[in-house]
């Protein structure tokens, strides 16, 4: 985290600020889930392509890309 304190929000605007923070949190979590699912799909497609020798040229980088995408989404 950045280590900074939360900004001072006037009490009259607090409900709008809270809804905004809730929506932002939902969007962040949804993006992480989509990243993990997309990374898993890329890893499966890369592993399926790596079964053949010709497909391994494309399959291995797909597996690596999927792994990196999943790692980025989790952390």
PDB file of N, CA and C in Angstrom:
ATOM      1  N   UNK A   1       0.828  -1.167   0.000  1.00  0.00           N
ATOM      2  CA  UNK A   1       0.000   0.000   0.000  1.00  0.00           C
ATOM      3  C   UNK A   1       0.885   1.247   0.000  1.00  0.00           C
ATOM      4  N   UNK A   2       0.242   2.367  -0.263  1.00  0.00           N
ATOM      5  CA  UNK A   2       1.009   3.597  -0.387  1.00  0.00           C
ATOM      6  C   UNK A   2       1.382   4.188   0.961  1.00  0.00           C
ATOM      7  N   UNK A   3       0.660   3.841   1.998  1.00  0.00           N
ATOM      8  CA  UNK A   3       0.997   4.340   3.318  1.00  0.00           C
ATOM      9  C   UNK A   3       0.392   5.693   3.613  1.00  0.00           C
ATOM     10  N   UNK A   4      -0.366   6.277   2.707  1.00  0.00           N
ATOM     11  CA  UNK A   4      -0.966   7.578   2.953  1.00  0.00           C
ATOM     12  C   UNK A   4      -2.320   7.391   3.629  1.00  0.00           C
ATOM     13  N   UNK A   5      -2.746   8.435   4.321  1.00  0.00           N
ATOM     14  CA  UNK A   5      -4.036   8.374   4.979  1.00  0.00           C
ATOM     15  C   UNK A   5      -5.139   8.651   3.978  1.00  0.00           C
ATOM     16  N   UNK A   6      -6.347   8.228   4.300  1.00  0.00           N
ATOM     17  CA  UNK A   6      -7.457   8.453   3.382  1.00  0.00           C
ATOM     18  C   UNK A   6      -7.813   9.941   3.389  1.00  0.00           C
ATOM     19  N   UNK A   7      -8.292  10.441   2.247  1.00  0.00           N
ATOM     20  CA  UNK A   7      -8.610  11.860   2.170  1.00  0.00           C
ATOM     21  C   UNK A   7      -9.801  12.213   3.053  1.00  0.00           C
ATOM     22  N   UNK A   8      -9.823  13.448   3.502  1.00  0.00           N
ATOM     23  CA  UNK A   8     -10.923  13.918   4.324  1.00  0.00           C
ATOM     24  C   UNK A   8     -12.127  14.184   3.433  1.00  0.00           C
ATOM     25  N   UNK A   9     -13.215  13.486   3.712  1.00  0.00           N
ATOM     26  CA  UNK A   9     -14.432  13.624   2.919  1.00  0.00           C
ATOM     27  C   UNK A   9     -15.485  14.312   3.783  1.00  0.00           C
ATOM     28  N   UNK A  10     -16.078  15.380   3.281  1.00  0.00           N
ATOM     29  CA  UNK A  10     -17.153  16.021   4.056  1.00  0.00           C
ATOM     30  C   UNK A  10     -18.304  15.047   4.308  1.00  0.00           C
ATOM     31  N   UNK A  11     -18.937  15.175   5.447  1.00  0.00           N
ATOM     32  CA  UNK A  11     -19.967  14.211   5.835  1.00  0.00           C
ATOM     33  C   UNK A  11     -21.122  14.171   4.854  1.00  0.00           C
ATOM     34  N   UNK A  12     -21.400  15.266   4.181  1.00  0.00           N
ATOM     35  CA  UNK A  12     -22.522  15.305   3.242  1.00  0.00           C
ATOM     36  C   UNK A  12     -22.229  14.494   1.978  1.00  0.00           C
ATOM     37  N   UNK A  13     -20.949  14.349   1.639  1.00  0.00           N
ATOM     38  CA  UNK A  13     -20.555  13.609   0.443  1.00  0.00           C
ATOM     39  C   UNK A  13     -20.155  12.170   0.738  1.00  0.00           C
ATOM     40  N   UNK A  14     -20.169  11.778   2.015  1.00  0.00           N
ATOM     41  CA  UNK A  14     -19.700  10.459   2.388  1.00  0.00           C
ATOM     42  C   UNK A  14     -20.462   9.322   1.700  1.00  0.00           C
ATOM     43  N   UNK A  15     -21.800   9.372   1.561  1.00  0.00           N
ATOM     44  CA  UNK A  15     -22.494   8.257   0.876  1.00  0.00           C
ATOM     45  C   UNK A  15     -22.032   8.067  -0.568  1.00  0.00           C
ATOM     46  N   UNK A  16     -21.824   9.167  -1.282  1.00  0.00           N
ATOM     47  CA  UNK A  16     -21.355   9.067  -2.663  1.00  0.00           C
ATOM     48  C   UNK A  16     -19.943   8.505  -2.723  1.00  0.00           C
ATOM     49  N   UNK A  17     -19.110   8.932  -1.786  1.00  0.00           N
ATOM     50  CA  UNK A  17     -17.730   8.446  -1.719  1.00  0.00           C
ATOM     51  C   UNK A  17     -17.704   6.947  -1.423  1.00  0.00           C
ATOM     52  N   UNK A  18     -18.577   6.500  -0.514  1.00  0.00           N
ATOM     53  CA  UNK A  18     -18.626   5.081  -0.146  1.00  0.00           C
ATOM     54  C   UNK A  18     -19.092   4.223  -1.322  1.00  0.00           C
ATOM     55  N   UNK A  19     -20.102   4.685  -2.058  1.00  0.00           N
ATOM     56  CA  UNK A  19     -20.577   3.939  -3.224  1.00  0.00           C
ATOM     57  C   UNK A  19     -19.484   3.881  -4.282  1.00  0.00           C
ATOM     58  N   UNK A  20     -18.779   4.993  -4.477  1.00  0.00           N
ATOM     59  CA  UNK A  20     -17.693   5.028  -5.459  1.00  0.00           C
ATOM     60  C   UNK A  20     -16.590   4.037  -5.087  1.00  0.00           C
ATOM     61  N   UNK A  21     -16.207   3.990  -3.829  1.00  0.00           N
ATOM     62  CA  UNK A  21     -15.170   3.053  -3.373  1.00  0.00           C
ATOM     63  C   UNK A  21     -15.639   1.604  -3.533  1.00  0.00           C
ATOM     64  N   UNK A  22     -16.905   1.337  -3.266  1.00  0.00           N
ATOM     65  CA  UNK A  22     -17.449  -0.010  -3.424  1.00  0.00           C
ATOM     66  C   UNK A  22     -17.400  -0.443  -4.883  1.00  0.00           C
ATOM     67  N   UNK A  23     -17.840   0.420  -5.786  1.00  0.00           N
ATOM     68  CA  UNK A  23     -17.805   0.094  -7.210  1.00  0.00           C
ATOM     69  C   UNK A  23     -16.379  -0.098  -7.709  1.00  0.00           C
ATOM     70  N   UNK A  24     -15.461   0.730  -7.250  1.00  0.00           N
ATOM     71  CA  UNK A  24     -14.062   0.586  -7.655  1.00  0.00           C
ATOM     72  C   UNK A  24     -13.491  -0.743  -7.175  1.00  0.00           C
ATOM     73  N   UNK A  25     -13.841  -1.149  -5.961  1.00  0.00           N
ATOM     74  CA  UNK A  25     -13.373  -2.428  -5.438  1.00  0.00           C
ATOM     75  C   UNK A  25     -13.926  -3.601  -6.219  1.00  0.00           C
ATOM     76  N   UNK A  26     -15.199  -3.521  -6.604  1.00  0.00           N
ATOM     77  CA  UNK A  26     -15.818  -4.592  -7.390  1.00  0.00           C
ATOM     78  C   UNK A  26     -15.136  -4.707  -8.748  1.00  0.00           C
ATOM     79  N   UNK A  27     -14.833  -3.575  -9.369  1.00  0.00           N
ATOM     80  CA  UNK A  27     -14.170  -3.597 -10.674  1.00  0.00           C
ATOM     81  C   UNK A  27     -12.765  -4.187 -10.563  1.00  0.00           C
ATOM     82  N   UNK A  28     -12.037  -3.872  -9.505  1.00  0.00           N
ATOM     83  CA  UNK A  28     -10.691  -4.420  -9.314  1.00  0.00           C
ATOM     84  C   UNK A  28     -10.741  -5.933  -9.141  1.00  0.00           C
ATOM     85  N   UNK A  29     -11.664  -6.416  -8.328  1.00  0.00           N
ATOM     86  CA  UNK A  29     -11.777  -7.857  -8.095  1.00  0.00           C
ATOM     87  C   UNK A  29     -12.201  -8.575  -9.372  1.00  0.00           C
ATOM     88  N   UNK A  30     -13.131  -7.984 -10.114  1.00  0.00           N
ATOM     89  CA  UNK A  30     -13.573  -8.588 -11.374  1.00  0.00           C
ATOM     90  C   UNK A  30     -12.428  -8.666 -12.370  1.00  0.00           C
ATOM     91  N   UNK A  31     -11.623  -7.621 -12.448  1.00  0.00           N
ATOM     92  CA  UNK A  31     -10.467  -7.631 -13.345  1.00  0.00           C
ATOM     93  C   UNK A  31      -9.463  -8.704 -12.983  1.00  0.00           C
ATOM     94  N   UNK A  32      -9.250  -8.904 -11.703  1.00  0.00           N
ATOM     95  CA  UNK A  32      -8.318  -9.956 -11.268  1.00  0.00           C
ATOM     96  C   UNK A  32      -8.851 -11.340 -11.617  1.00  0.00           C
ATOM     97  N   UNK A  33     -10.139 -11.550 -11.429  1.00  0.00           N
ATOM     98  CA  UNK A  33     -10.725 -12.853 -11.755  1.00  0.00           C
ATOM     99  C   UNK A  33     -10.642 -13.116 -13.251  1.00  0.00           C
ATOM    100  N   UNK A  34     -10.926 -12.109 -14.067  1.00  0.00           N
ATOM    101  CA  UNK A  34     -10.835 -12.265 -15.518  1.00  0.00           C
ATOM    102  C   UNK A  34      -9.396 -12.569 -15.924  1.00  0.00           C
ATOM    103  N   UNK A  35      -8.424 -11.912 -15.290  1.00  0.00           N
ATOM    104  CA  UNK A  35      -7.019 -12.178 -15.587  1.00  0.00           C
ATOM    105  C   UNK A  35      -6.615 -13.602 -15.258  1.00  0.00           C
ATOM    106  N   UNK A  36      -7.072 -14.111 -14.134  1.00  0.00           N
ATOM    107  CA  UNK A  36      -6.748 -15.491 -13.750  1.00  0.00           C
ATOM    108  C   UNK A  36      -7.386 -16.484 -14.721  1.00  0.00           C
ATOM    109  N   UNK A  37      -8.646 -16.248 -15.084  1.00  0.00           N
ATOM    110  CA  UNK A  37      -9.326 -17.162 -16.005  1.00  0.00           C
ATOM    111  C   UNK A  37      -8.671 -17.126 -17.381  1.00  0.00           C
ATOM    112  N   UNK A  38      -8.338 -15.933 -17.863  1.00  0.00           N
ATOM    113  CA  UNK A  38      -7.682 -15.816 -19.167  1.00  0.00           C
ATOM    114  C   UNK A  38      -6.303 -16.471 -19.153  1.00  0.00           C
ATOM    115  N   UNK A  39      -5.562 -16.309 -18.065  1.00  0.00           N
ATOM    116  CA  UNK A  39      -4.266 -16.966 -17.945  1.00  0.00           C
ATOM    117  C   UNK A  39      -4.393 -18.478 -17.949  1.00  0.00           C
ATOM    118  N   UNK A  40      -5.395 -18.991 -17.268  1.00  0.00           N
ATOM    119  CA  UNK A  40      -5.615 -20.437 -17.243  1.00  0.00           C
ATOM    120  C   UNK A  40      -5.975 -20.963 -18.629  1.00  0.00           C
ATOM    121  N   UNK A  41      -6.807 -20.220 -19.346  1.00  0.00           N
ATOM    122  CA  UNK A  41      -7.188 -20.635 -20.705  1.00  0.00           C
ATOM    123  C   UNK A  41      -5.967 -20.626 -21.622  1.00  0.00           C
ATOM    124  N   UNK A  42      -5.120 -19.615 -21.506  1.00  0.00           N
ATOM    125  CA  UNK A  42      -3.907 -19.565 -22.324  1.00  0.00           C
ATOM    126  C   UNK A  42      -2.958 -20.716 -21.989  1.00  0.00           C
ATOM    127  N   UNK A  43      -2.861 -21.065 -20.709  1.00  0.00           N
ATOM    128  CA  UNK A  43      -2.001 -22.180 -20.329  1.00  0.00           C
ATOM    129  C   UNK A  43      -2.533 -23.500 -20.883  1.00  0.00           C
ATOM    130  N   UNK A  44      -3.834 -23.706 -20.830  1.00  0.00           N
ATOM    131  CA  UNK A  44      -4.422 -24.933 -21.356  1.00  0.00           C
ATOM    132  C   UNK A  44      -4.242 -25.001 -22.867  1.00  0.00           C
ATOM    133  N   UNK A  45      -4.475 -23.878 -23.558  1.00  0.00           N
ATOM    134  CA  UNK A  45      -4.302 -23.857 -25.017  1.00  0.00           C
ATOM    135  C   UNK A  45      -2.838 -24.091 -25.384  1.00  0.00           C
ATOM    136  N   UNK A  46      -1.918 -23.513 -24.634  1.00  0.00           N
ATOM    137  CA  UNK A  46      -0.500 -23.724 -24.900  1.00  0.00           C
ATOM    138  C   UNK A  46      -0.076 -25.156 -24.660  1.00  0.00           C
ATOM    139  N   UNK A  47      -0.609 -25.763 -23.604  1.00  0.00           N
ATOM    140  CA  UNK A  47      -0.280 -27.166 -23.337  1.00  0.00           C
ATOM    141  C   UNK A  47      -0.851 -28.071 -24.420  1.00  0.00           C
ATOM    142  N   UNK A  48      -2.046 -27.751 -24.911  1.00  0.00           N
ATOM    143  CA  UNK A  48      -2.636 -28.554 -25.981  1.00  0.00           C
ATOM    144  C   UNK A  48      -1.840 -28.414 -27.278  1.00  0.00           C
ATOM    145  N   UNK A  49      -1.341 -27.224 -27.561  1.00  0.00           N
ATOM    146  CA  UNK A  49      -0.531 -27.026 -28.755  1.00  0.00           C
ATOM    147  C   UNK A  49       0.847 -27.665 -28.630  1.00  0.00           C
ATOM    148  N   UNK A  50       1.346 -27.776 -27.425  1.00  0.00           N
ATOM    149  CA  UNK A  50       2.683 -28.328 -27.221  1.00  0.00           C
ATOM    150  C   UNK A  50       2.741 -29.834 -27.409  1.00  0.00           C
ATOM    151  N   UNK A  51       1.600 -30.463 -27.580  1.00  0.00           N
ATOM    152  CA  UNK A  51       1.583 -31.909 -27.798  1.00  0.00           C
ATOM    153  C   UNK A  51       2.289 -32.250 -29.099  1.00  0.00           C
ATOM    154  N   UNK A  52       2.113 -31.431 -30.099  1.00  0.00           N
ATOM    155  CA  UNK A  52       2.798 -31.657 -31.374  1.00  0.00           C
ATOM    156  C   UNK A  52       4.105 -30.867 -31.398  1.00  0.00           C
ATOM    157  N   UNK A  53       5.047 -31.351 -32.179  1.00  0.00           N
ATOM    158  CA  UNK A  53       6.352 -30.686 -32.252  1.00  0.00           C
ATOM    159  C   UNK A  53       6.218 -29.327 -32.933  1.00  0.00           C
ATOM    160  N   UNK A  54       5.403 -29.250 -33.970  1.00  0.00           N
ATOM    161  CA  UNK A  54       5.227 -27.989 -34.688  1.00  0.00           C
ATOM    162  C   UNK A  54       4.504 -26.968 -33.813  1.00  0.00           C
ATOM    163  N   UNK A  55       3.518 -27.400 -33.058  1.00  0.00           N
ATOM    164  CA  UNK A  55       2.764 -26.493 -32.203  1.00  0.00           C
ATOM    165  C   UNK A  55       3.529 -26.033 -30.983  1.00  0.00           C
ATOM    166  N   UNK A  56       4.618 -26.715 -30.644  1.00  0.00           N
ATOM    167  CA  UNK A  56       5.399 -26.341 -29.467  1.00  0.00           C
ATOM    168  C   UNK A  56       6.031 -24.968 -29.617  1.00  0.00           C
ATOM    169  N   UNK A  57       6.274 -24.550 -30.857  1.00  0.00           N
ATOM    170  CA  UNK A  57       6.859 -23.225 -31.091  1.00  0.00           C
ATOM    171  C   UNK A  57       5.913 -22.139 -30.595  1.00  0.00           C
ATOM    172  N   UNK A  58       4.621 -22.353 -30.732  1.00  0.00           N
ATOM    173  CA  UNK A  58       3.634 -21.387 -30.260  1.00  0.00           C
ATOM    174  C   UNK A  58       3.119 -21.771 -28.873  1.00  0.00           C
ATOM    175  N   UNK A  59       3.067 -23.050 -28.575  1.00  0.00           N
ATOM    176  CA  UNK A  59       2.495 -23.525 -27.323  1.00  0.00           C
ATOM    177  C   UNK A  59       3.284 -23.145 -26.091  1.00  0.00           C
ATOM    178  N   UNK A  60       4.596 -23.263 -26.143  1.00  0.00           N
ATOM    179  CA  UNK A  60       5.424 -22.949 -24.974  1.00  0.00           C
ATOM    180  C   UNK A  60       5.326 -21.466 -24.606  1.00  0.00           C
ATOM    181  N   UNK A  61       5.432 -20.533 -25.561  1.00  0.00           N
ATOM    182  CA  UNK A  61       5.233 -19.126 -25.182  1.00  0.00           C
ATOM    183  C   UNK A  61       3.825 -18.831 -24.654  1.00  0.00           C
ATOM    184  N   UNK A  62       2.813 -19.540 -25.151  1.00  0.00           N
ATOM    185  CA  UNK A  62       1.455 -19.357 -24.620  1.00  0.00           C
ATOM    186  C   UNK A  62       1.365 -19.805 -23.168  1.00  0.00           C
ATOM    187  N   UNK A  63       2.020 -20.912 -22.842  1.00  0.00           N
ATOM    188  CA  UNK A  63       2.030 -21.377 -21.453  1.00  0.00           C
ATOM    189  C   UNK A  63       2.727 -20.352 -20.564  1.00  0.00           C
ATOM    190  N   UNK A  64       3.842 -19.831 -21.019  1.00  0.00           N
ATOM    191  CA  UNK A  64       4.585 -18.835 -20.235  1.00  0.00           C
ATOM    192  C   UNK A  64       3.756 -17.559 -20.075  1.00  0.00           C
ATOM    193  N   UNK A  65       3.117 -17.114 -21.156  1.00  0.00           N
ATOM    194  CA  UNK A  65       2.275 -15.919 -21.089  1.00  0.00           C
ATOM    195  C   UNK A  65       1.107 -16.127 -20.135  1.00  0.00           C
ATOM    196  N   UNK A  66       0.478 -17.278 -20.187  1.00  0.00           N
ATOM    197  CA  UNK A  66      -0.616 -17.583 -19.273  1.00  0.00           C
ATOM    198  C   UNK A  66      -0.162 -17.621 -17.824  1.00  0.00           C
ATOM    199  N   UNK A  67       1.004 -18.195 -17.588  1.00  0.00           N
ATOM    200  CA  UNK A  67       1.550 -18.244 -16.227  1.00  0.00           C
ATOM    201  C   UNK A  67       1.854 -16.847 -15.702  1.00  0.00           C
ATOM    202  N   UNK A  68       2.461 -16.012 -16.526  1.00  0.00           N
ATOM    203  CA  UNK A  68       2.773 -14.647 -16.120  1.00  0.00           C
ATOM    204  C   UNK A  68       1.495 -13.829 -15.875  1.00  0.00           C
ATOM    205  N   UNK A  69       0.485 -14.026 -16.700  1.00  0.00           N
ATOM    206  CA  UNK A  69      -0.779 -13.317 -16.516  1.00  0.00           C
ATOM    207  C   UNK A  69      -1.462 -13.738 -15.228  1.00  0.00           C
ATOM    208  N   UNK A  70      -1.419 -15.029 -14.928  1.00  0.00           N
ATOM    209  CA  UNK A  70      -2.002 -15.493 -13.677  1.00  0.00           C
ATOM    210  C   UNK A  70      -1.241 -14.963 -12.466  1.00  0.00           C
ATOM    211  N   UNK A  71       0.086 -14.964 -12.557  1.00  0.00           N
ATOM    212  CA  UNK A  71       0.891 -14.442 -11.450  1.00  0.00           C
ATOM    213  C   UNK A  71       0.622 -12.953 -11.231  1.00  0.00           C
ATOM    214  N   UNK A  72       0.483 -12.208 -12.322  1.00  0.00           N
ATOM    215  CA  UNK A  72       0.208 -10.779 -12.207  1.00  0.00           C
ATOM    216  C   UNK A  72      -1.176 -10.518 -11.627  1.00  0.00           C
ATOM    217  N   UNK A  73      -2.134 -11.362 -11.973  1.00  0.00           N
ATOM    218  CA  UNK A  73      -3.492 -11.178 -11.459  1.00  0.00           C
ATOM    219  C   UNK A  73      -3.599 -11.530  -9.980  1.00  0.00           C
ATOM    220  N   UNK A  74      -2.834 -12.514  -9.547  1.00  0.00           N
ATOM    221  CA  UNK A  74      -2.914 -12.920  -8.138  1.00  0.00           C
ATOM    222  C   UNK A  74      -2.164 -11.942  -7.240  1.00  0.00           C
ATOM    223  N   UNK A  75      -0.996 -11.507  -7.672  1.00  0.00           N
ATOM    224  CA  UNK A  75      -0.202 -10.594  -6.850  1.00  0.00           C
ATOM    225  C   UNK A  75      -0.349  -9.226  -7.392  1.00  0.00           C
TER     226      UNK A  75
END
